[in-house]
Structure formats: structure tokens, C-alpha cells
PDB file of N, CA and C in Angstrom:
ATOM      1  N   MET A   1       0.441  -1.259  -0.184  1.00  0.00           N
ATOM      2  CA  MET A   1       0.089   0.080  -0.059  1.00  0.00           C
ATOM      3  C   MET A   1       1.062   1.321  -0.400  1.00  0.00           C
ATOM      4  N   PRO A   2       0.596   1.925  -1.258  1.00  0.00           N
ATOM      5  CA  PRO A   2       1.596   3.147  -1.224  1.00  0.00           C
ATOM      6  C   PRO A   2       1.400   4.314   0.158  1.00  0.00           C
ATOM      7  N   CYS A   3       2.079   5.348   0.021  1.00  0.00           N
ATOM      8  CA  CYS A   3       1.745   6.165   1.535  1.00  0.00           C
ATOM      9  C   CYS A   3       2.310   7.472   0.834  1.00  0.00           C
ATOM     10  N   TYR A   4       1.277   8.384   1.248  1.00  0.00           N
ATOM     11  CA  TYR A   4       1.924  10.085   0.121  1.00  0.00           C
ATOM     12  C   TYR A   4       1.953  10.808   1.420  1.00  0.00           C
ATOM     13  N   SER A   5       3.482  11.861   0.937  1.00  0.00           N
ATOM     14  CA  SER A   5       3.569  12.990   2.100  1.00  0.00           C
ATOM     15  C   SER A   5       2.609  14.152   1.275  1.00  0.00           C
ATOM     16  N   PHE A   6       1.730  14.916   2.492  1.00  0.00           N
ATOM     17  CA  PHE A   6       1.574  16.366   2.197  1.00  0.00           C
ATOM     18  C   PHE A   6       2.598  17.389   2.803  1.00  0.00           C
ATOM     19  N   ARG A   7       2.550  18.027   1.675  1.00  0.00           N
ATOM     20  CA  ARG A   7       3.408  19.274   1.985  1.00  0.00           C
ATOM     21  C   ARG A   7       2.981  19.903   1.455  1.00  0.00           C
ATOM     22  N   SER A   8       3.356  21.729   2.400  1.00  0.00           N
ATOM     23  CA  SER A   8       2.418  22.761   2.252  1.00  0.00           C
ATOM     24  C   SER A   8       3.884  23.856   2.085  1.00  0.00           C
ATOM     25  N   LYS A   9       4.384  24.455   1.176  1.00  0.00           N
ATOM     26  CA  LYS A   9       5.282  25.445   1.428  1.00  0.00           C
ATOM     27  C   LYS A   9       6.851  24.856   1.259  1.00  0.00           C
ATOM     28  N   GLY A  10       6.564  24.037   0.973  1.00  0.00           N
ATOM     29  CA  GLY A  10       7.939  23.347   0.998  1.00  0.00           C
ATOM     30  C   GLY A  10       8.099  22.003   1.948  1.00  0.00           C
ATOM     31  N   GLU A  11       6.967  22.460   3.210  1.00  0.00           N
ATOM     32  CA  GLU A  11       7.501  21.789   4.226  1.00  0.00           C
ATOM     33  C   GLU A  11       6.512  20.453   4.416  1.00  0.00           C
ATOM     34  N   HIS A  12       7.088  19.724   5.149  1.00  0.00           N
ATOM     35  CA  HIS A  12       6.210  18.272   5.182  1.00  0.00           C
ATOM     36  C   HIS A  12       5.155  18.478   6.362  1.00  0.00           C
ATOM     37  N   ILE A  13       3.627  18.095   6.275  1.00  0.00           N
ATOM     38  CA  ILE A  13       2.700  18.389   7.264  1.00  0.00           C
ATOM     39  C   ILE A  13       2.020  17.525   7.758  1.00  0.00           C
ATOM     40  N   GLY A  14       2.046  15.718   6.866  1.00  0.00           N
ATOM     41  CA  GLY A  14       1.546  14.871   7.423  1.00  0.00           C
ATOM     42  C   GLY A  14       2.047  13.959   6.262  1.00  0.00           C
ATOM     43  N   PHE A  15       0.677  12.749   6.212  1.00  0.00           N
ATOM     44  CA  PHE A  15       1.073  11.511   5.317  1.00  0.00           C
ATOM     45  C   PHE A  15      -0.232  10.925   5.498  1.00  0.00           C
ATOM     46  N   ILE A  16      -0.607  10.228   3.836  1.00  0.00           N
ATOM     47  CA  ILE A  16      -1.860   8.916   4.382  1.00  0.00           C
ATOM     48  C   ILE A  16      -1.448   8.097   3.465  1.00  0.00           C
ATOM     49  N   CYS A  17      -2.059   7.276   4.233  1.00  0.00           N
ATOM     50  CA  CYS A  17      -1.337   5.359   3.310  1.00  0.00           C
ATOM     51  C   CYS A  17      -2.805   5.056   2.863  1.00  0.00           C
ATOM     52  N   GLY A  18      -2.772   4.529   1.375  1.00  0.00           N
ATOM     53  CA  GLY A  18      -4.075   3.103   0.930  1.00  0.00           C
ATOM     54  C   GLY A  18      -3.514   3.597  -0.488  1.00  0.00           C
ATOM     55  N   ASP A  19      -4.765   2.913  -1.164  1.00  0.00           N
ATOM     56  CA  ASP A  19      -4.409   2.895  -2.723  1.00  0.00           C
ATOM     57  C   ASP A  19      -5.778   4.351  -3.120  1.00  0.00           C
ATOM     58  N   PHE A  20      -5.061   5.277  -3.714  1.00  0.00           N
ATOM     59  CA  PHE A  20      -5.595   6.385  -4.451  1.00  0.00           C
ATOM     60  C   PHE A  20      -5.485   6.369  -5.704  1.00  0.00           C
ATOM     61  N   ASP A  21      -6.463   6.122  -6.296  1.00  0.00           N
ATOM     62  CA  ASP A  21      -6.414   6.505  -8.121  1.00  0.00           C
ATOM     63  C   ASP A  21      -6.127   7.916  -8.238  1.00  0.00           C
ATOM     64  N   ASP A  22      -6.440   9.035  -7.697  1.00  0.00           N
ATOM     65  CA  ASP A  22      -6.037  10.463  -8.229  1.00  0.00           C
ATOM     66  C   ASP A  22      -5.094  11.260  -7.173  1.00  0.00           C
ATOM     67  N   ALA A  23      -3.896  10.505  -7.973  1.00  0.00           N
ATOM     68  CA  ALA A  23      -2.346  11.098  -7.342  1.00  0.00           C
ATOM     69  C   ALA A  23      -2.210  12.069  -8.250  1.00  0.00           C
ATOM     70  N   CYS A  24      -1.161  13.152  -7.525  1.00  0.00           N
ATOM     71  CA  CYS A  24      -1.016  14.534  -8.424  1.00  0.00           C
ATOM     72  C   CYS A  24       0.202  13.754  -9.027  1.00  0.00           C
ATOM     73  N   THR A  25      -0.111  14.217  -9.853  1.00  0.00           N
ATOM     74  CA  THR A  25       1.166  13.833 -11.917  1.00  0.00           C
ATOM     75  C   THR A  25       2.557  14.439 -10.851  1.00  0.00           C
ATOM     76  N   ASP A  26       2.524  15.251 -10.629  1.00  0.00           N
ATOM     77  CA  ASP A  26       3.611  15.967 -10.076  1.00  0.00           C
ATOM     78  C   ASP A  26       4.132  15.427  -8.875  1.00  0.00           C
ATOM     79  N   CYS A  27       3.603  14.801  -7.942  1.00  0.00           N
ATOM     80  CA  CYS A  27       4.591  14.471  -7.042  1.00  0.00           C
ATOM     81  C   CYS A  27       3.889  12.891  -5.972  1.00  0.00           C
ATOM     82  N   GLY A  28       3.211  13.114  -6.673  1.00  0.00           N
ATOM     83  CA  GLY A  28       2.140  11.593  -6.242  1.00  0.00           C
ATOM     84  C   GLY A  28       1.405  11.482  -5.282  1.00  0.00           C
ATOM     85  N   ALA A  29       0.900  12.557  -4.814  1.00  0.00           N
ATOM     86  CA  ALA A  29      -0.194  13.310  -3.393  1.00  0.00           C
ATOM     87  C   ALA A  29      -1.022  13.255  -3.656  1.00  0.00           C
ATOM     88  N   PRO A  30      -1.952  12.823  -2.957  1.00  0.00           N
ATOM     89  CA  PRO A  30      -3.324  13.076  -3.430  1.00  0.00           C
ATOM     90  C   PRO A  30      -4.194  13.877  -4.086  1.00  0.00           C
ATOM     91  N   SER A  31      -4.353  14.330  -5.580  1.00  0.00           N
ATOM     92  CA  SER A  31      -4.788  15.237  -6.036  1.00  0.00           C
ATOM     93  C   SER A  31      -5.915  15.913  -5.524  1.00  0.00           C
ATOM     94  N   THR A  32      -6.349  17.206  -5.239  1.00  0.00           N
ATOM     95  CA  THR A  32      -7.315  18.094  -4.642  1.00  0.00           C
ATOM     96  C   THR A  32      -8.059  19.063  -5.922  1.00  0.00           C
ATOM     97  N   ASN A  33      -7.407  18.891  -7.164  1.00  0.00           N
ATOM     98  CA  ASN A  33      -8.154  19.666  -8.303  1.00  0.00           C
ATOM     99  C   ASN A  33      -7.518  19.114  -9.229  1.00  0.00           C
ATOM    100  N   LEU A  34      -8.352  19.207 -10.685  1.00  0.00           N
ATOM    101  CA  LEU A  34      -7.730  19.628 -11.983  1.00  0.00           C
ATOM    102  C   LEU A  34      -7.607  20.692 -12.746  1.00  0.00           C
ATOM    103  N   CYS A  35      -6.315  20.906 -13.607  1.00  0.00           N
ATOM    104  CA  CYS A  35      -5.924  21.871 -14.057  1.00  0.00           C
ATOM    105  C   CYS A  35      -7.046  22.201 -15.225  1.00  0.00           C
ATOM    106  N   ASP A  36      -7.807  23.617 -14.954  1.00  0.00           N
ATOM    107  CA  ASP A  36      -8.764  23.821 -15.808  1.00  0.00           C
ATOM    108  C   ASP A  36      -8.163  24.506 -17.092  1.00  0.00           C
ATOM    109  N   TYR A  37      -6.570  24.953 -17.597  1.00  0.00           N
ATOM    110  CA  TYR A  37      -6.899  25.458 -18.695  1.00  0.00           C
ATOM    111  C   TYR A  37      -7.180  25.317 -19.995  1.00  0.00           C
ATOM    112  N   PRO A  38      -7.707  25.893 -20.482  1.00  0.00           N
ATOM    113  CA  PRO A  38      -8.536  25.474 -21.592  1.00  0.00           C
ATOM    114  C   PRO A  38      -7.495  25.033 -23.218  1.00  0.00           C
ATOM    115  N   VAL A  39      -7.765  23.567 -23.626  1.00  0.00           N
ATOM    116  CA  VAL A  39      -6.721  23.473 -24.007  1.00  0.00           C
ATOM    117  C   VAL A  39      -7.548  23.443 -25.987  1.00  0.00           C
ATOM    118  N   GLY A  40      -8.936  24.018 -25.908  1.00  0.00           N
ATOM    119  CA  GLY A  40      -9.360  23.767 -27.181  1.00  0.00           C
ATOM    120  C   GLY A  40     -10.500  23.276 -27.136  1.00  0.00           C
ATOM    121  N   GLU A  41     -11.714  23.183 -27.977  1.00  0.00           N
ATOM    122  CA  GLU A  41     -12.735  22.567 -27.756  1.00  0.00           C
ATOM    123  C   GLU A  41     -13.584  22.748 -26.677  1.00  0.00           C
ATOM    124  N   GLY A  42     -13.364  23.505 -26.026  1.00  0.00           N
ATOM    125  CA  GLY A  42     -14.369  23.088 -24.825  1.00  0.00           C
ATOM    126  C   GLY A  42     -14.130  22.016 -23.778  1.00  0.00           C
ATOM    127  N   LYS A  43     -12.705  22.104 -23.840  1.00  0.00           N
ATOM    128  CA  LYS A  43     -11.950  20.367 -23.341  1.00  0.00           C
ATOM    129  C   LYS A  43     -10.694  21.543 -22.407  1.00  0.00           C
ATOM    130  N   THR A  44     -10.801  21.127 -21.437  1.00  0.00           N
ATOM    131  CA  THR A  44      -9.630  21.667 -20.158  1.00  0.00           C
ATOM    132  C   THR A  44      -8.469  19.970 -20.134  1.00  0.00           C
ATOM    133  N   CYS A  45      -7.492  21.263 -19.412  1.00  0.00           N
ATOM    134  CA  CYS A  45      -6.127  19.947 -19.585  1.00  0.00           C
ATOM    135  C   CYS A  45      -6.425  19.108 -18.399  1.00  0.00           C
ATOM    136  N   ASP A  46      -7.187  19.066 -17.246  1.00  0.00           N
ATOM    137  CA  ASP A  46      -7.326  18.078 -16.687  1.00  0.00           C
ATOM    138  C   ASP A  46      -6.452  16.674 -15.988  1.00  0.00           C
ATOM    139  N   ARG A  47      -5.230  17.881 -16.163  1.00  0.00           N
ATOM    140  CA  ARG A  47      -4.228  17.349 -15.038  1.00  0.00           C
ATOM    141  C   ARG A  47      -4.498  16.810 -13.472  1.00  0.00           C
ATOM    142  N   LYS A  48      -4.027  16.125 -12.939  1.00  0.00           N
ATOM    143  CA  LYS A  48      -4.532  16.258 -12.065  1.00  0.00           C
ATOM    144  C   LYS A  48      -3.122  16.754 -10.692  1.00  0.00           C
ATOM    145  N   ILE A  49      -4.058  17.277  -9.537  1.00  0.00           N
ATOM    146  CA  ILE A  49      -2.674  18.145  -9.548  1.00  0.00           C
ATOM    147  C   ILE A  49      -3.154  18.361  -7.892  1.00  0.00           C
ATOM    148  N   CYS A  50      -1.982  18.204  -6.681  1.00  0.00           N
ATOM    149  CA  CYS A  50      -2.277  18.612  -5.343  1.00  0.00           C
ATOM    150  C   CYS A  50      -2.291  20.309  -4.873  1.00  0.00           C
ATOM    151  N   ASP A  51      -2.576  20.308  -3.708  1.00  0.00           N
ATOM    152  CA  ASP A  51      -2.673  22.079  -3.787  1.00  0.00           C
ATOM    153  C   ASP A  51      -1.136  22.346  -3.769  1.00  0.00           C
ATOM    154  N   GLU A  52      -0.169  21.425  -3.864  1.00  0.00           N
ATOM    155  CA  GLU A  52       1.522  22.396  -3.952  1.00  0.00           C
ATOM    156  C   GLU A  52       1.297  22.783  -5.052  1.00  0.00           C
ATOM    157  N   HIS A  53       1.080  21.976  -6.121  1.00  0.00           N
ATOM    158  CA  HIS A  53       1.416  22.347  -7.537  1.00  0.00           C
ATOM    159  C   HIS A  53       0.384  22.638  -8.820  1.00  0.00           C
ATOM    160  N   SER A  54      -0.677  23.526  -7.214  1.00  0.00           N
ATOM    161  CA  SER A  54      -1.777  23.981  -8.051  1.00  0.00           C
ATOM    162  C   SER A  54      -2.208  26.010  -7.871  1.00  0.00           C
ATOM    163  N   LYS A  55      -2.009  26.288  -9.115  1.00  0.00           N
ATOM    164  CA  LYS A  55      -2.080  27.509  -9.000  1.00  0.00           C
ATOM    165  C   LYS A  55      -3.359  27.679  -9.002  1.00  0.00           C
ATOM    166  N   GLN A  56      -4.287  28.772  -8.181  1.00  0.00           N
ATOM    167  CA  GLN A  56      -5.720  29.106  -8.364  1.00  0.00           C
ATOM    168  C   GLN A  56      -5.537  30.838  -9.059  1.00  0.00           C
ATOM    169  N   VAL A  57      -6.417  31.038 -10.284  1.00  0.00           N
ATOM    170  CA  VAL A  57      -6.314  32.043 -10.677  1.00  0.00           C
ATOM    171  C   VAL A  57      -8.148  32.704 -10.936  1.00  0.00           C
ATOM    172  N   GLY A  58      -8.879  32.023 -10.468  1.00  0.00           N
ATOM    173  CA  GLY A  58      -9.745  32.521 -10.200  1.00  0.00           C
ATOM    174  C   GLY A  58     -10.635  31.326  -9.285  1.00  0.00           C
ATOM    175  N   VAL A  59     -12.136  31.799  -9.560  1.00  0.00           N
ATOM    176  CA  VAL A  59     -12.659  31.170  -8.443  1.00  0.00           C
ATOM    177  C   VAL A  59     -12.763  30.030  -8.506  1.00  0.00           C
ATOM    178  N   ASP A  60     -12.528  28.392  -7.941  1.00  0.00           N
ATOM    179  CA  ASP A  60     -12.724  27.005  -8.583  1.00  0.00           C
ATOM    180  C   ASP A  60     -11.677  27.072  -9.719  1.00  0.00           C
ATOM    181  N   ILE A  61     -11.007  27.625 -10.166  1.00  0.00           N
ATOM    182  CA  ILE A  61      -9.988  27.693 -11.210  1.00  0.00           C
ATOM    183  C   ILE A  61      -8.647  27.512 -10.843  1.00  0.00           C
ATOM    184  N   HIS A  62      -8.023  26.239 -11.043  1.00  0.00           N
ATOM    185  CA  HIS A  62      -6.712  26.383 -11.165  1.00  0.00           C
ATOM    186  C   HIS A  62      -5.988  25.624 -12.057  1.00  0.00           C
ATOM    187  N   TYR A  63      -4.131  26.187 -12.341  1.00  0.00           N
ATOM    188  CA  TYR A  63      -3.711  25.873 -13.234  1.00  0.00           C
ATOM    189  C   TYR A  63      -2.479  24.842 -13.095  1.00  0.00           C
ATOM    190  N   CYS A  64      -2.131  23.933 -13.975  1.00  0.00           N
ATOM    191  CA  CYS A  64      -0.361  22.611 -13.626  1.00  0.00           C
ATOM    192  C   CYS A  64       0.180  23.915 -13.658  1.00  0.00           C
ATOM    193  N   PRO A  65       1.477  23.647 -13.260  1.00  0.00           N
ATOM    194  CA  PRO A  65       2.635  24.439 -13.053  1.00  0.00           C
ATOM    195  C   PRO A  65       2.663  24.603 -14.590  1.00  0.00           C
ATOM    196  N   THR A  66       2.483  23.700 -15.468  1.00  0.00           N
ATOM    197  CA  THR A  66       2.652  24.317 -17.368  1.00  0.00           C
ATOM    198  C   THR A  66       2.351  25.177 -17.534  1.00  0.00           C
ATOM    199  N   HIS A  67       0.936  25.285 -17.197  1.00  0.00           N
ATOM    200  CA  HIS A  67       0.033  26.110 -17.681  1.00  0.00           C
ATOM    201  C   HIS A  67       0.070  27.449 -17.558  1.00  0.00           C
ATOM    202  N   ALA A  68       0.134  27.422 -15.809  1.00  0.00           N
ATOM    203  CA  ALA A  68       0.495  28.653 -14.719  1.00  0.00           C
ATOM    204  C   ALA A  68       1.521  29.627 -15.471  1.00  0.00           C
ATOM    205  N   LYS A  69       2.555  28.764 -15.873  1.00  0.00           N
ATOM    206  CA  LYS A  69       3.689  29.624 -16.540  1.00  0.00           C
ATOM    207  C   LYS A  69       3.044  30.489 -17.794  1.00  0.00           C
ATOM    208  N   HIS A  70       2.398  29.825 -18.098  1.00  0.00           N
ATOM    209  CA  HIS A  70       1.831  30.336 -19.674  1.00  0.00           C
ATOM    210  C   HIS A  70       0.594  30.922 -18.947  1.00  0.00           C
ATOM    211  N   TRP A  71      -0.180  31.150 -18.166  1.00  0.00           N
ATOM    212  CA  TRP A  71      -1.246  32.348 -18.082  1.00  0.00           C
ATOM    213  C   TRP A  71       0.038  33.117 -17.216  1.00  0.00           C
ATOM    214  N   ASP A  72       0.564  32.931 -16.328  1.00  0.00           N
ATOM    215  CA  ASP A  72       1.246  33.969 -15.976  1.00  0.00           C
ATOM    216  C   ASP A  72       2.302  35.219 -17.037  1.00  0.00           C
ATOM    217  N   LYS A  73       2.697  34.767 -17.908  1.00  0.00           N
ATOM    218  CA  LYS A  73       3.337  35.333 -19.092  1.00  0.00           C
ATOM    219  C   LYS A  73       1.810  35.690 -19.784  1.00  0.00           C
ATOM    220  N   PHE A  74       0.575  35.718 -19.994  1.00  0.00           N
ATOM    221  CA  PHE A  74      -0.105  36.394 -20.834  1.00  0.00           C
ATOM    222  C   PHE A  74      -0.758  37.224 -20.078  1.00  0.00           C
ATOM    223  N   ALA A  75      -0.810  37.212 -18.553  1.00  0.00           N
ATOM    224  CA  ALA A  75      -0.849  38.279 -17.922  1.00  0.00           C
ATOM    225  C   ALA A  75      -0.063  39.491 -17.744  1.00  0.00           C
ATOM    226  N   ARG A  76       0.744  39.105 -17.285  1.00  0.00           N
ATOM    227  CA  ARG A  76       2.393  39.922 -17.721  1.00  0.00           C
ATOM    228  C   ARG A  76       2.207  40.602 -18.720  1.00  0.00           C
ATOM    229  N   GLU A  77       2.408  40.304 -19.977  1.00  0.00           N
ATOM    230  CA  GLU A  77       1.844  41.092 -21.322  1.00  0.00           C
ATOM    231  C   GLU A  77       0.617  42.048 -21.279  1.00  0.00           C
ATOM    232  N   GLY A  78      -0.137  41.786 -20.709  1.00  0.00           N
ATOM    233  CA  GLY A  78      -1.480  42.351 -20.895  1.00  0.00           C
ATOM    234  C   GLY A  78      -2.415  42.113 -21.348  1.00  0.00           C
ATOM    235  N   GLY A  79      -2.347  40.406 -21.033  1.00  0.00           N
ATOM    236  CA  GLY A  79      -3.473  39.881 -21.909  1.00  0.00           C
ATOM    237  C   GLY A  79      -4.555  40.008 -21.146  1.00  0.00           C
ATOM    238  N   VAL A  80      -4.527  40.008 -19.966  1.00  0.00           N
ATOM    239  CA  VAL A  80      -6.032  40.084 -18.926  1.00  0.00           C
ATOM    240  C   VAL A  80      -6.502  41.290 -19.374  1.00  0.00           C
ATOM    241  N   LYS A  81      -6.242  42.359 -19.577  1.00  0.00           N
ATOM    242  CA  LYS A  81      -6.605  43.491 -19.692  1.00  0.00           C
ATOM    243  C   LYS A  81      -7.659  43.842 -21.049  1.00  0.00           C
ATOM    244  N   LYS A  82      -6.488  43.279 -21.826  1.00  0.00           N
ATOM    245  CA  LYS A  82      -6.515  43.415 -23.405  1.00  0.00           C
ATOM    246  C   LYS A  82      -8.184  42.191 -23.911  1.00  0.00           C
ATOM    247  N   ASP A  83      -7.685  41.154 -23.491  1.00  0.00           N
ATOM    248  CA  ASP A  83      -8.724  40.303 -23.897  1.00  0.00           C
ATOM    249  C   ASP A  83      -9.616  39.816 -23.072  1.00  0.00           C
ATOM    250  N   LEU A  84      -9.486  40.223 -21.315  1.00  0.00           N
ATOM    251  CA  LEU A  84     -10.526  39.793 -20.560  1.00  0.00           C
ATOM    252  C   LEU A  84     -11.500  40.380 -19.735  1.00  0.00           C
ATOM    253  N   GLY A  85     -10.798  42.041 -20.311  1.00  0.00           N
ATOM    254  CA  GLY A  85     -11.078  43.327 -19.417  1.00  0.00           C
ATOM    255  C   GLY A  85     -12.532  43.805 -19.959  1.00  0.00           C
ATOM    256  N   ASN A  86     -13.761  43.424 -20.952  1.00  0.00           N
ATOM    257  CA  ASN A  86     -14.534  43.654 -21.297  1.00  0.00           C
ATOM    258  C   ASN A  86     -15.495  42.275 -21.040  1.00  0.00           C
ATOM    259  N   VAL A  87     -15.202  41.158 -20.178  1.00  0.00           N
ATOM    260  CA  VAL A  87     -15.971  39.844 -20.191  1.00  0.00           C
ATOM    261  C   VAL A  87     -17.298  40.349 -19.149  1.00  0.00           C
ATOM    262  N   ILE A  88     -17.916  39.790 -19.216  1.00  0.00           N
ATOM    263  CA  ILE A  88     -19.095  40.379 -18.494  1.00  0.00           C
ATOM    264  C   ILE A  88     -19.266  39.218 -17.236  1.00  0.00           C
ATOM    265  N   PRO A  89     -19.290  39.015 -16.208  1.00  0.00           N
ATOM    266  CA  PRO A  89     -19.264  38.018 -14.931  1.00  0.00           C
ATOM    267  C   PRO A  89     -20.730  37.691 -15.619  1.00  0.00           C
ATOM    268  N   PHE A  90     -21.108  36.679 -14.850  1.00  0.00           N
ATOM    269  CA  PHE A  90     -21.858  35.302 -15.151  1.00  0.00           C
ATOM    270  C   PHE A  90     -22.860  35.489 -13.232  1.00  0.00           C
ATOM    271  N   LYS A  91     -24.003  35.941 -13.456  1.00  0.00           N
ATOM    272  CA  LYS A  91     -24.617  35.992 -11.995  1.00  0.00           C
ATOM    273  C   LYS A  91     -25.637  35.375 -12.271  1.00  0.00           C
ATOM    274  N   GLY A  92     -25.922  33.781 -12.164  1.00  0.00           N
ATOM    275  CA  GLY A  92     -26.086  33.049 -11.802  1.00  0.00           C
ATOM    276  C   GLY A  92     -27.811  33.228 -10.973  1.00  0.00           C
ATOM    277  N   ALA A  93     -28.932  32.360 -11.558  1.00  0.00           N
ATOM    278  CA  ALA A  93     -29.832  32.486 -10.541  1.00  0.00           C
ATOM    279  C   ALA A  93     -29.674  32.018  -9.232  1.00  0.00           C
TER     280      ALA A  93
END
């Protein structure tokens, strides 16, 4: 039975043992998120990521380390304001 180490900000905070299907692709810890980066045709990356390897970029929107780099570059180069500045937030019922 495998054991998984939990890390936060680079420090070990605990562990859990068991057979888990949803392990982080980067470190093997239990995944808490799927990468929400859009990859086309209405699909997202869906890479399994733990809290340590997730970058939250919006409400319940997380990117894996690879796509977080793309997002950071997009934001740094003004893409958020230029491309997303005129998006009207959805206000559900």
C-alpha cells in the first residue's frame, strides 16, 4: 500500500497511506484539483494536481505548473486587461 506525503510551502505537514486513483501527476500526493486551463474545443487540461502544485487563478479555477507559466506570461504581457477586460461576469440565479 503506497503512502503519500503532504507538503505545504515546501514543508512536510503529514502523510496518508492507501490506494488512491487520483494522485498528483507531479508528486504522487492525493490530487485536490484538475487543471482548468482551456486546451480547445471546450476541453480543459484536466491534469491531476495537489494543492502544492495548483495555482488558483480564479474562483475554483486552478492551473497546473506548466499552464500557470503560460497564464503568468499572458497576464504579465497585458492579456488579462486586453482580452478579458470586457468580459461580463455571469450572475447565476
